[in-house]
C-alpha cells in the first residue's frame, strides 16, 4: 500500500472550508496524489420550474458561475504544485460525490462533516450521513473550523469477530491510521468491549459467577485485540493502546476527548437486508457524538484498496 492517489474533495465554493482543503493538500503532498474539486448547484423545485420559463438557462448560468469559482480555487492550489481538476454540476453534493467517486476511480473522498446550512442535529450533516452509508471508497469527514491537518490519530477496531472480513477490516483500519499519522507517537488504538447480554447476566447471575464470566471475556478479548495489533508492531503493552470495558458509543468519544484526538479512523459494516446501507447501528449512534474528524472504510472496498498499492 502506498497511500491515496486520487482524492475527491467536495467543497462549497461560496465559502470553502480551509481545513478540508489543507488536509487534502497535506495528503496529496505526502503521496503525490491528484486532487479533484467538486461542487454542485441545487436543482430548482418543480414549483420554481413552473413559474420560471427559462429555468434551464438560469441553472446553466449558476453552474457557470460556480465553475468559475472552482477554477479560481484550483488555480491557487495548482500554483503550489498540485495536480488539480474540477467538476461542477446540478444536484445534491452527496449524490454527485458518490457518482464521481465510482466513475472516476477515486480512493478517497473528503468533505467537511457539517455544512454551514445544515439543519441536522448532531456533529454530522445530512450529506455526511449519506456519504457514510454509500461512499464507495474511503471517506474523510473533516471537523468544521479545524484549519490545520490532523496530527493525533486514533484507530478504533472491533476485535471480537474473528472472521476473515472483520480481520481484513481491522487490518485496514490500523493501516490507514498509521499512514495518515505523521508521527508514530501520535498514533492511538482503542478497542471497547462488553459481555454479550451483559445486563441480563448481571441481573440474573450470582455476583461471583458474573465476575468470573466477565474476567473470561476480558482475557479472551485481550487475546483477540493483541492478535489484531501484532501485524502492526503493537500490543496492549504499547503506548497509546487501550482496551476499555463499556459501551463504545459512550467510551470512544470520552477516549477521543481525553487524548485530544484530531481524527478517528473506524470501519462501517453493512446492515443485513438493506443493500447499500453501509453504516452499522453502533457506528451510526457513535458518529453524532464525535467532535473530531472521521475517516471511515467498509469491507466492500478492502480488496480494491489493497490492490491500489
C-alpha atoms as a PDB file:
ATOM      1  CA  UNK A   1       0.000   0.000   0.000  1.00  0.00           C
ATOM      2  CA  UNK A   2       1.392   3.392  -0.998  1.00  0.00           C
ATOM      3  CA  UNK A   3      -1.298   5.719   0.297  1.00  0.00           C
ATOM      4  CA  UNK A   4      -4.011   7.620  -1.521  1.00  0.00           C
ATOM      5  CA  UNK A   5      -3.508   8.566  -5.172  1.00  0.00           C
ATOM      6  CA  UNK A   6      -6.805  10.043  -6.408  1.00  0.00           C
ATOM      7  CA  UNK A   7      -8.564  12.395  -3.959  1.00  0.00           C
ATOM      8  CA  UNK A   8     -12.042  13.819  -4.497  1.00  0.00           C
ATOM      9  CA  UNK A   9     -12.907  16.895  -2.424  1.00  0.00           C
ATOM     10  CA  UNK A  10     -16.460  18.166  -2.015  1.00  0.00           C
ATOM     11  CA  UNK A  11     -16.443  21.900  -1.285  1.00  0.00           C
ATOM     12  CA  UNK A  12     -18.757  24.888  -1.012  1.00  0.00           C
ATOM     13  CA  UNK A  13     -17.169  27.368  -3.414  1.00  0.00           C
ATOM     14  CA  UNK A  14     -19.006  30.326  -1.878  1.00  0.00           C
ATOM     15  CA  UNK A  15     -17.329  29.622   1.464  1.00  0.00           C
ATOM     16  CA  UNK A  16     -14.685  26.872   1.118  1.00  0.00           C
ATOM     17  CA  UNK A  17     -13.721  25.095   4.312  1.00  0.00           C
ATOM     18  CA  UNK A  18      -9.970  25.774   4.728  1.00  0.00           C
ATOM     19  CA  UNK A  19      -9.477  22.717   6.945  1.00  0.00           C
ATOM     20  CA  UNK A  20     -10.726  20.314   4.277  1.00  0.00           C
ATOM     21  CA  UNK A  21      -8.562  21.899   1.585  1.00  0.00           C
ATOM     22  CA  UNK A  22      -5.491  21.988   3.857  1.00  0.00           C
ATOM     23  CA  UNK A  23      -5.968  18.344   4.806  1.00  0.00           C
ATOM     24  CA  UNK A  24      -6.433  17.321   1.169  1.00  0.00           C
ATOM     25  CA  UNK A  25      -3.233  19.150   0.206  1.00  0.00           C
ATOM     26  CA  UNK A  26      -1.324  17.538   3.083  1.00  0.00           C
ATOM     27  CA  UNK A  27      -2.370  14.049   1.966  1.00  0.00           C
ATOM     28  CA  UNK A  28      -1.788  14.820  -1.722  1.00  0.00           C
ATOM     29  CA  UNK A  29       1.681  16.181  -0.964  1.00  0.00           C
ATOM     30  CA  UNK A  30       2.593  13.128   1.105  1.00  0.00           C
ATOM     31  CA  UNK A  31       1.503  10.599  -1.530  1.00  0.00           C
ATOM     32  CA  UNK A  32       1.886  12.625  -4.740  1.00  0.00           C
ATOM     33  CA  UNK A  33      -1.876  12.300  -5.300  1.00  0.00           C
ATOM     34  CA  UNK A  34      -4.205  14.046  -7.728  1.00  0.00           C
ATOM     35  CA  UNK A  35      -7.000  16.266  -6.392  1.00  0.00           C
ATOM     36  CA  UNK A  36     -10.409  16.835  -7.952  1.00  0.00           C
ATOM     37  CA  UNK A  37     -12.627  19.592  -6.542  1.00  0.00           C
ATOM     38  CA  UNK A  38     -16.397  19.150  -6.830  1.00  0.00           C
ATOM     39  CA  UNK A  39     -19.273  21.494  -6.096  1.00  0.00           C
ATOM     40  CA  UNK A  40     -22.947  21.387  -7.009  1.00  0.00           C
ATOM     41  CA  UNK A  41     -25.788  23.778  -7.688  1.00  0.00           C
ATOM     42  CA  UNK A  42     -29.156  22.728  -6.194  1.00  0.00           C
ATOM     43  CA  UNK A  43     -31.742  21.970  -8.846  1.00  0.00           C
ATOM     44  CA  UNK A  44     -34.931  24.004  -8.972  1.00  0.00           C
ATOM     45  CA  UNK A  45     -38.037  22.567  -7.349  1.00  0.00           C
ATOM     46  CA  UNK A  46     -40.971  21.664  -9.610  1.00  0.00           C
ATOM     47  CA  UNK A  47     -42.777  24.793  -8.385  1.00  0.00           C
ATOM     48  CA  UNK A  48     -39.840  27.034  -9.285  1.00  0.00           C
ATOM     49  CA  UNK A  49     -39.644  25.428 -12.708  1.00  0.00           C
ATOM     50  CA  UNK A  50     -43.351  26.008 -13.263  1.00  0.00           C
ATOM     51  CA  UNK A  51     -43.023  29.758 -12.613  1.00  0.00           C
ATOM     52  CA  UNK A  52     -39.601  30.237 -14.256  1.00  0.00           C
ATOM     53  CA  UNK A  53     -39.897  29.616 -18.011  1.00  0.00           C
ATOM     54  CA  UNK A  54     -36.148  29.968 -18.586  1.00  0.00           C
ATOM     55  CA  UNK A  55     -35.125  27.932 -15.554  1.00  0.00           C
ATOM     56  CA  UNK A  56     -32.745  25.778 -17.635  1.00  0.00           C
ATOM     57  CA  UNK A  57     -30.825  28.842 -18.816  1.00  0.00           C
ATOM     58  CA  UNK A  58     -30.718  30.207 -15.275  1.00  0.00           C
ATOM     59  CA  UNK A  59     -29.417  26.895 -13.928  1.00  0.00           C
ATOM     60  CA  UNK A  60     -26.675  26.845 -16.575  1.00  0.00           C
ATOM     61  CA  UNK A  61     -25.695  30.381 -15.593  1.00  0.00           C
ATOM     62  CA  UNK A  62     -25.454  29.386 -11.909  1.00  0.00           C
ATOM     63  CA  UNK A  63     -23.346  26.333 -12.799  1.00  0.00           C
ATOM     64  CA  UNK A  64     -21.031  28.533 -14.893  1.00  0.00           C
ATOM     65  CA  UNK A  65     -20.567  30.982 -12.012  1.00  0.00           C
ATOM     66  CA  UNK A  66     -19.872  28.084  -9.652  1.00  0.00           C
ATOM     67  CA  UNK A  67     -17.369  26.585 -12.068  1.00  0.00           C
ATOM     68  CA  UNK A  68     -15.521  29.893 -12.334  1.00  0.00           C
ATOM     69  CA  UNK A  69     -15.122  29.977  -8.552  1.00  0.00           C
ATOM     70  CA  UNK A  70     -13.960  26.359  -8.624  1.00  0.00           C
ATOM     71  CA  UNK A  71     -11.429  27.181 -11.346  1.00  0.00           C
ATOM     72  CA  UNK A  72     -10.062  30.054  -9.257  1.00  0.00           C
ATOM     73  CA  UNK A  73      -9.555  27.764  -6.256  1.00  0.00           C
ATOM     74  CA  UNK A  74      -7.959  25.119  -8.497  1.00  0.00           C
ATOM     75  CA  UNK A  75      -5.536  27.684  -9.957  1.00  0.00           C
ATOM     76  CA  UNK A  76      -4.474  28.730  -6.474  1.00  0.00           C
ATOM     77  CA  UNK A  77      -3.911  25.118  -5.372  1.00  0.00           C
ATOM     78  CA  UNK A  78      -2.220  24.272  -8.669  1.00  0.00           C
ATOM     79  CA  UNK A  79       0.256  27.105  -8.131  1.00  0.00           C
ATOM     80  CA  UNK A  80       1.512  25.145  -5.113  1.00  0.00           C
ATOM     81  CA  UNK A  81       2.481  22.251  -7.392  1.00  0.00           C
ATOM     82  CA  UNK A  82      -0.611  20.042  -7.119  1.00  0.00           C
ATOM     83  CA  UNK A  83      -2.334  18.214  -9.993  1.00  0.00           C
ATOM     84  CA  UNK A  84      -5.871  19.667  -9.705  1.00  0.00           C
ATOM     85  CA  UNK A  85      -9.056  19.303 -11.764  1.00  0.00           C
ATOM     86  CA  UNK A  86     -12.655  20.409 -11.154  1.00  0.00           C
ATOM     87  CA  UNK A  87     -16.224  19.258 -11.670  1.00  0.00           C
ATOM     88  CA  UNK A  88     -19.412  21.261 -11.238  1.00  0.00           C
ATOM     89  CA  UNK A  89     -22.972  20.070 -11.872  1.00  0.00           C
ATOM     90  CA  UNK A  90     -26.572  20.422 -10.777  1.00  0.00           C
ATOM     91  CA  UNK A  91     -27.918  18.199  -7.995  1.00  0.00           C
ATOM     92  CA  UNK A  92     -27.156  17.118  -4.452  1.00  0.00           C
ATOM     93  CA  UNK A  93     -23.498  17.107  -3.471  1.00  0.00           C
ATOM     94  CA  UNK A  94     -23.629  13.724  -1.718  1.00  0.00           C
ATOM     95  CA  UNK A  95     -25.050  12.037  -4.838  1.00  0.00           C
ATOM     96  CA  UNK A  96     -22.543  13.812  -7.089  1.00  0.00           C
ATOM     97  CA  UNK A  97     -19.604  12.760  -4.887  1.00  0.00           C
ATOM     98  CA  UNK A  98     -20.749   9.132  -4.863  1.00  0.00           C
ATOM     99  CA  UNK A  99     -21.187   9.132  -8.642  1.00  0.00           C
ATOM    100  CA  UNK A 100     -17.836  10.775  -9.320  1.00  0.00           C
ATOM    101  CA  UNK A 101     -16.011   8.555  -6.805  1.00  0.00           C
ATOM    102  CA  UNK A 102     -17.400   5.488  -8.567  1.00  0.00           C
ATOM    103  CA  UNK A 103     -16.848   6.621 -12.151  1.00  0.00           C
ATOM    104  CA  UNK A 104     -13.556   8.413 -11.542  1.00  0.00           C
ATOM    105  CA  UNK A 105     -11.812   5.640  -9.615  1.00  0.00           C
ATOM    106  CA  UNK A 106     -11.149   7.793  -6.572  1.00  0.00           C
ATOM    107  CA  UNK A 107      -9.678   6.120  -3.487  1.00  0.00           C
ATOM    108  CA  UNK A 108     -10.535   8.908  -1.026  1.00  0.00           C
ATOM    109  CA  UNK A 109     -13.481  11.317  -0.719  1.00  0.00           C
ATOM    110  CA  UNK A 110     -13.083  14.344   1.555  1.00  0.00           C
ATOM    111  CA  UNK A 111     -15.692  16.802   2.767  1.00  0.00           C
ATOM    112  CA  UNK A 112     -16.489  18.892   5.843  1.00  0.00           C
ATOM    113  CA  UNK A 113     -18.631  16.888   8.270  1.00  0.00           C
ATOM    114  CA  UNK A 114     -21.330  19.533   8.523  1.00  0.00           C
ATOM    115  CA  UNK A 115     -22.016  22.306   6.054  1.00  0.00           C
ATOM    116  CA  UNK A 116     -22.883  25.886   7.008  1.00  0.00           C
ATOM    117  CA  UNK A 117     -26.576  25.486   6.146  1.00  0.00           C
ATOM    118  CA  UNK A 118     -27.104  22.059   7.719  1.00  0.00           C
ATOM    119  CA  UNK A 119     -30.274  21.719   9.786  1.00  0.00           C
ATOM    120  CA  UNK A 120     -29.486  18.242  11.065  1.00  0.00           C
ATOM    121  CA  UNK A 121     -28.724  17.907  14.779  1.00  0.00           C
ATOM    122  CA  UNK A 122     -25.527  16.179  15.858  1.00  0.00           C
ATOM    123  CA  UNK A 123     -21.981  16.552  14.565  1.00  0.00           C
ATOM    124  CA  UNK A 124     -22.709  15.167  11.083  1.00  0.00           C
ATOM    125  CA  UNK A 125     -24.757  16.884   8.385  1.00  0.00           C
ATOM    126  CA  UNK A 126     -27.250  15.176   6.074  1.00  0.00           C
ATOM    127  CA  UNK A 127     -24.753  14.877   3.195  1.00  0.00           C
ATOM    128  CA  UNK A 128     -22.142  13.413   5.530  1.00  0.00           C
ATOM    129  CA  UNK A 129     -24.564  10.728   6.733  1.00  0.00           C
ATOM    130  CA  UNK A 130     -25.465   9.796   3.150  1.00  0.00           C
ATOM    131  CA  UNK A 131     -21.786   9.530   2.283  1.00  0.00           C
ATOM    132  CA  UNK A 132     -21.107   7.392   5.347  1.00  0.00           C
ATOM    133  CA  UNK A 133     -23.739   4.934   4.133  1.00  0.00           C
ATOM    134  CA  UNK A 134     -22.930   4.861   0.434  1.00  0.00           C
ATOM    135  CA  UNK A 135     -19.438   6.165  -0.345  1.00  0.00           C
ATOM    136  CA  UNK A 136     -17.661   3.526  -2.498  1.00  0.00           C
ATOM    137  CA  UNK A 137     -14.180   4.308  -1.144  1.00  0.00           C
ATOM    138  CA  UNK A 138     -12.501   5.647   1.988  1.00  0.00           C
ATOM    139  CA  UNK A 139     -14.298   8.722   3.346  1.00  0.00           C
ATOM    140  CA  UNK A 140     -12.685  11.554   5.319  1.00  0.00           C
ATOM    141  CA  UNK A 141     -15.053  13.979   7.052  1.00  0.00           C
ATOM    142  CA  UNK A 142     -13.199  16.975   8.451  1.00  0.00           C
ATOM    143  CA  UNK A 143     -14.169  18.824  11.596  1.00  0.00           C
ATOM    144  CA  UNK A 144     -15.707  22.242  10.840  1.00  0.00           C
ATOM    145  CA  UNK A 145     -13.361  25.021  11.900  1.00  0.00           C
ATOM    146  CA  UNK A 146     -10.291  22.774  12.196  1.00  0.00           C
ATOM    147  CA  UNK A 147      -7.905  24.600   9.877  1.00  0.00           C
ATOM    148  CA  UNK A 148      -4.744  22.537  10.434  1.00  0.00           C
ATOM    149  CA  UNK A 149      -4.201  18.955   9.165  1.00  0.00           C
ATOM    150  CA  UNK A 150      -4.887  16.181  11.695  1.00  0.00           C
ATOM    151  CA  UNK A 151      -1.929  15.072  13.814  1.00  0.00           C
ATOM    152  CA  UNK A 152      -3.212  12.899  16.669  1.00  0.00           C
ATOM    153  CA  UNK A 153      -4.985   9.871  15.139  1.00  0.00           C
ATOM    154  CA  UNK A 154      -6.976   7.093  16.832  1.00  0.00           C
ATOM    155  CA  UNK A 155      -7.872   3.742  15.245  1.00  0.00           C
ATOM    156  CA  UNK A 156     -10.995   2.108  16.685  1.00  0.00           C
ATOM    157  CA  UNK A 157     -11.262  -1.626  15.980  1.00  0.00           C
ATOM    158  CA  UNK A 158     -13.705  -4.385  16.848  1.00  0.00           C
ATOM    159  CA  UNK A 159     -11.577  -7.370  17.793  1.00  0.00           C
ATOM    160  CA  UNK A 160     -14.451  -9.644  18.874  1.00  0.00           C
ATOM    161  CA  UNK A 161     -15.470 -11.124  15.492  1.00  0.00           C
ATOM    162  CA  UNK A 162     -12.617 -13.224  14.143  1.00  0.00           C
ATOM    163  CA  UNK A 163     -13.973 -13.966  10.657  1.00  0.00           C
ATOM    164  CA  UNK A 164     -11.909 -13.110   7.584  1.00  0.00           C
ATOM    165  CA  UNK A 165     -13.842  -9.961   6.600  1.00  0.00           C
ATOM    166  CA  UNK A 166     -13.533  -8.405  10.063  1.00  0.00           C
ATOM    167  CA  UNK A 167      -9.877  -9.373  10.142  1.00  0.00           C
ATOM    168  CA  UNK A 168      -9.256  -7.529   6.864  1.00  0.00           C
ATOM    169  CA  UNK A 169     -11.244  -4.530   8.052  1.00  0.00           C
ATOM    170  CA  UNK A 170      -9.340  -4.278  11.347  1.00  0.00           C
ATOM    171  CA  UNK A 171      -6.030  -4.578   9.490  1.00  0.00           C
ATOM    172  CA  UNK A 172      -7.008  -1.813   7.056  1.00  0.00           C
ATOM    173  CA  UNK A 173      -8.236   0.495   9.848  1.00  0.00           C
ATOM    174  CA  UNK A 174      -4.880   0.296  11.624  1.00  0.00           C
ATOM    175  CA  UNK A 175      -3.020   0.558   8.318  1.00  0.00           C
ATOM    176  CA  UNK A 176      -4.923   3.701   7.351  1.00  0.00           C
ATOM    177  CA  UNK A 177      -4.387   5.260  10.766  1.00  0.00           C
ATOM    178  CA  UNK A 178      -0.650   4.565  10.514  1.00  0.00           C
ATOM    179  CA  UNK A 179      -0.459   6.019   7.003  1.00  0.00           C
ATOM    180  CA  UNK A 180      -2.188   9.316   7.795  1.00  0.00           C
ATOM    181  CA  UNK A 181      -0.447   9.810  11.133  1.00  0.00           C
ATOM    182  CA  UNK A 182       2.654  11.954  10.676  1.00  0.00           C
ATOM    183  CA  UNK A 183       4.393  10.833  13.878  1.00  0.00           C
ATOM    184  CA  UNK A 184       4.178   7.289  15.213  1.00  0.00           C
ATOM    185  CA  UNK A 185       3.935   8.576  18.784  1.00  0.00           C
ATOM    186  CA  UNK A 186       0.680  10.335  17.823  1.00  0.00           C
ATOM    187  CA  UNK A 187      -0.993   7.072  16.759  1.00  0.00           C
ATOM    188  CA  UNK A 188      -3.558   5.661  19.198  1.00  0.00           C
ATOM    189  CA  UNK A 189      -5.519   2.390  19.049  1.00  0.00           C
ATOM    190  CA  UNK A 190      -8.623   1.542  21.051  1.00  0.00           C
ATOM    191  CA  UNK A 191     -10.950  -1.414  21.438  1.00  0.00           C
ATOM    192  CA  UNK A 192     -14.110  -1.254  23.562  1.00  0.00           C
ATOM    193  CA  UNK A 193     -15.775  -4.496  24.605  1.00  0.00           C
ATOM    194  CA  UNK A 194     -18.794  -5.743  26.531  1.00  0.00           C
ATOM    195  CA  UNK A 195     -20.027  -9.117  27.751  1.00  0.00           C
ATOM    196  CA  UNK A 196     -22.681 -10.273  25.286  1.00  0.00           C
ATOM    197  CA  UNK A 197     -26.047  -9.859  27.028  1.00  0.00           C
ATOM    198  CA  UNK A 198     -24.247  -8.220  29.941  1.00  0.00           C
ATOM    199  CA  UNK A 199     -27.231  -6.515  31.596  1.00  0.00           C
ATOM    200  CA  UNK A 200     -29.229  -9.774  31.653  1.00  0.00           C
ATOM    201  CA  UNK A 201     -26.369 -11.883  33.000  1.00  0.00           C
ATOM    202  CA  UNK A 202     -25.531  -9.259  35.625  1.00  0.00           C
ATOM    203  CA  UNK A 203     -29.139  -9.155  36.845  1.00  0.00           C
ATOM    204  CA  UNK A 204     -29.710 -12.941  36.891  1.00  0.00           C
ATOM    205  CA  UNK A 205     -26.356 -14.467  37.851  1.00  0.00           C
ATOM    206  CA  UNK A 206     -24.743 -14.570  41.309  1.00  0.00           C
ATOM    207  CA  UNK A 207     -22.167 -11.806  41.592  1.00  0.00           C
ATOM    208  CA  UNK A 208     -19.138 -14.100  41.848  1.00  0.00           C
ATOM    209  CA  UNK A 209     -20.249 -16.100  38.794  1.00  0.00           C
ATOM    210  CA  UNK A 210     -20.730 -12.934  36.775  1.00  0.00           C
ATOM    211  CA  UNK A 211     -17.293 -11.645  37.791  1.00  0.00           C
ATOM    212  CA  UNK A 212     -15.770 -14.931  36.617  1.00  0.00           C
ATOM    213  CA  UNK A 213     -17.618 -14.649  33.310  1.00  0.00           C
ATOM    214  CA  UNK A 214     -16.529 -11.031  32.907  1.00  0.00           C
ATOM    215  CA  UNK A 215     -12.901 -11.963  33.545  1.00  0.00           C
ATOM    216  CA  UNK A 216     -13.097 -14.724  30.940  1.00  0.00           C
ATOM    217  CA  UNK A 217     -14.441 -12.231  28.397  1.00  0.00           C
ATOM    218  CA  UNK A 218     -11.729  -9.726  29.306  1.00  0.00           C
ATOM    219  CA  UNK A 219      -8.948 -12.265  28.779  1.00  0.00           C
ATOM    220  CA  UNK A 220     -10.469 -13.542  25.530  1.00  0.00           C
ATOM    221  CA  UNK A 221     -10.842 -10.017  24.192  1.00  0.00           C
ATOM    222  CA  UNK A 222      -7.295  -9.103  25.204  1.00  0.00           C
ATOM    223  CA  UNK A 223      -6.023 -12.093  23.228  1.00  0.00           C
ATOM    224  CA  UNK A 224      -8.118 -11.086  20.202  1.00  0.00           C
ATOM    225  CA  UNK A 225      -7.016  -7.456  20.416  1.00  0.00           C
ATOM    226  CA  UNK A 226      -3.338  -8.408  20.594  1.00  0.00           C
ATOM    227  CA  UNK A 227      -3.852 -10.602  17.523  1.00  0.00           C
ATOM    228  CA  UNK A 228      -5.237  -7.563  15.663  1.00  0.00           C
ATOM    229  CA  UNK A 229      -2.378  -5.329  16.832  1.00  0.00           C
ATOM    230  CA  UNK A 230       0.514  -7.730  16.198  1.00  0.00           C
ATOM    231  CA  UNK A 231       0.884  -7.227  12.391  1.00  0.00           C
ATOM    232  CA  UNK A 232       1.390  -3.512  13.045  1.00  0.00           C
ATOM    233  CA  UNK A 233       4.091  -3.970  15.656  1.00  0.00           C
ATOM    234  CA  UNK A 234       1.731  -3.060  18.500  1.00  0.00           C
ATOM    235  CA  UNK A 235       0.336  -4.754  21.612  1.00  0.00           C
ATOM    236  CA  UNK A 236      -1.654  -3.909  24.718  1.00  0.00           C
ATOM    237  CA  UNK A 237       1.677  -3.002  26.304  1.00  0.00           C
ATOM    238  CA  UNK A 238       2.380  -0.346  23.663  1.00  0.00           C
ATOM    239  CA  UNK A 239       1.980   3.358  24.480  1.00  0.00           C
ATOM    240  CA  UNK A 240      -1.352   4.841  23.367  1.00  0.00           C
ATOM    241  CA  UNK A 241      -3.027   1.419  23.051  1.00  0.00           C
ATOM    242  CA  UNK A 242      -6.068   0.851  25.274  1.00  0.00           C
ATOM    243  CA  UNK A 243      -8.803  -1.724  25.765  1.00  0.00           C
ATOM    244  CA  UNK A 244     -11.878  -0.468  27.625  1.00  0.00           C
ATOM    245  CA  UNK A 245     -14.941  -2.198  29.041  1.00  0.00           C
ATOM    246  CA  UNK A 246     -18.224  -0.454  28.293  1.00  0.00           C
ATOM    247  CA  UNK A 247     -20.484   0.859  25.562  1.00  0.00           C
ATOM    248  CA  UNK A 248     -18.453   2.030  22.524  1.00  0.00           C
ATOM    249  CA  UNK A 249     -20.982   4.789  21.832  1.00  0.00           C
ATOM    250  CA  UNK A 250     -20.073   6.409  25.163  1.00  0.00           C
ATOM    251  CA  UNK A 251     -16.499   5.232  25.750  1.00  0.00           C
ATOM    252  CA  UNK A 252     -14.948   6.123  22.379  1.00  0.00           C
ATOM    253  CA  UNK A 253     -15.995   9.822  22.459  1.00  0.00           C
ATOM    254  CA  UNK A 254     -14.590  10.032  26.003  1.00  0.00           C
ATOM    255  CA  UNK A 255     -11.317   8.476  24.839  1.00  0.00           C
ATOM    256  CA  UNK A 256     -11.130  10.873  21.891  1.00  0.00           C
ATOM    257  CA  UNK A 257     -11.599  13.868  24.160  1.00  0.00           C
ATOM    258  CA  UNK A 258      -9.181  12.732  26.873  1.00  0.00           C
ATOM    259  CA  UNK A 259      -6.434  12.119  24.285  1.00  0.00           C
ATOM    260  CA  UNK A 260      -7.100  15.309  22.264  1.00  0.00           C
ATOM    261  CA  UNK A 261      -7.564  13.268  19.089  1.00  0.00           C
ATOM    262  CA  UNK A 262      -7.837  15.112  15.747  1.00  0.00           C
ATOM    263  CA  UNK A 263      -9.007  12.159  13.637  1.00  0.00           C
ATOM    264  CA  UNK A 264     -10.826   8.889  14.353  1.00  0.00           C
ATOM    265  CA  UNK A 265     -10.328   6.005  11.903  1.00  0.00           C
ATOM    266  CA  UNK A 266     -13.016   3.323  12.016  1.00  0.00           C
ATOM    267  CA  UNK A 267     -14.938   0.865   9.869  1.00  0.00           C
ATOM    268  CA  UNK A 268     -18.576   0.751   8.859  1.00  0.00           C
ATOM    269  CA  UNK A 269     -20.390  -2.547   8.382  1.00  0.00           C
ATOM    270  CA  UNK A 270     -23.298  -3.253   6.016  1.00  0.00           C
ATOM    271  CA  UNK A 271     -26.709  -3.773   7.551  1.00  0.00           C
ATOM    272  CA  UNK A 272     -28.168  -7.109   6.525  1.00  0.00           C
ATOM    273  CA  UNK A 273     -31.092  -6.937   4.125  1.00  0.00           C
ATOM    274  CA  UNK A 274     -30.629  -3.273   3.187  1.00  0.00           C
ATOM    275  CA  UNK A 275     -28.450  -3.048   0.046  1.00  0.00           C
ATOM    276  CA  UNK A 276     -26.137  -0.048   0.011  1.00  0.00           C
ATOM    277  CA  UNK A 277     -26.627   0.825   3.667  1.00  0.00           C
ATOM    278  CA  UNK A 278     -23.097   0.729   4.977  1.00  0.00           C
ATOM    279  CA  UNK A 279     -23.392   2.215   8.448  1.00  0.00           C
ATOM    280  CA  UNK A 280     -23.871  -0.188  11.341  1.00  0.00           C
ATOM    281  CA  UNK A 281     -26.044   0.603  14.340  1.00  0.00           C
ATOM    282  CA  UNK A 282     -23.126   1.251  16.700  1.00  0.00           C
ATOM    283  CA  UNK A 283     -21.347   3.436  14.145  1.00  0.00           C
ATOM    284  CA  UNK A 284     -24.477   5.456  13.437  1.00  0.00           C
ATOM    285  CA  UNK A 285     -25.024   6.214  17.129  1.00  0.00           C
ATOM    286  CA  UNK A 286     -21.324   6.965  17.570  1.00  0.00           C
ATOM    287  CA  UNK A 287     -20.666   9.368  14.707  1.00  0.00           C
ATOM    288  CA  UNK A 288     -23.019  12.058  16.026  1.00  0.00           C
ATOM    289  CA  UNK A 289     -21.025  12.191  19.260  1.00  0.00           C
ATOM    290  CA  UNK A 290     -17.653  12.643  17.579  1.00  0.00           C
ATOM    291  CA  UNK A 291     -16.102  16.101  17.911  1.00  0.00           C
ATOM    292  CA  UNK A 292     -13.053  15.394  15.726  1.00  0.00           C
ATOM    293  CA  UNK A 293     -12.531  14.427  12.087  1.00  0.00           C
ATOM    294  CA  UNK A 294     -13.604  10.968  10.913  1.00  0.00           C
ATOM    295  CA  UNK A 295     -12.002   8.611   8.378  1.00  0.00           C
ATOM    296  CA  UNK A 296     -14.047   5.514   7.531  1.00  0.00           C
ATOM    297  CA  UNK A 297     -13.770   2.444   5.364  1.00  0.00           C
ATOM    298  CA  UNK A 298     -16.124  -0.502   4.847  1.00  0.00           C
ATOM    299  CA  UNK A 299     -15.381  -4.133   3.890  1.00  0.00           C
ATOM    300  CA  UNK A 300     -16.599  -3.686   0.312  1.00  0.00           C
ATOM    301  CA  UNK A 301     -13.583  -1.564  -0.673  1.00  0.00           C
ATOM    302  CA  UNK A 302     -10.851  -3.581   1.014  1.00  0.00           C
ATOM    303  CA  UNK A 303      -9.749  -5.631  -1.980  1.00  0.00           C
ATOM    304  CA  UNK A 304      -9.674  -2.670  -4.366  1.00  0.00           C
ATOM    305  CA  UNK A 305      -7.849  -0.500  -1.790  1.00  0.00           C
ATOM    306  CA  UNK A 306      -5.216  -3.139  -1.186  1.00  0.00           C
ATOM    307  CA  UNK A 307      -4.744  -3.656  -4.898  1.00  0.00           C
ATOM    308  CA  UNK A 308      -4.164   0.066  -5.463  1.00  0.00           C
ATOM    309  CA  UNK A 309      -0.718  -0.086  -3.929  1.00  0.00           C
END
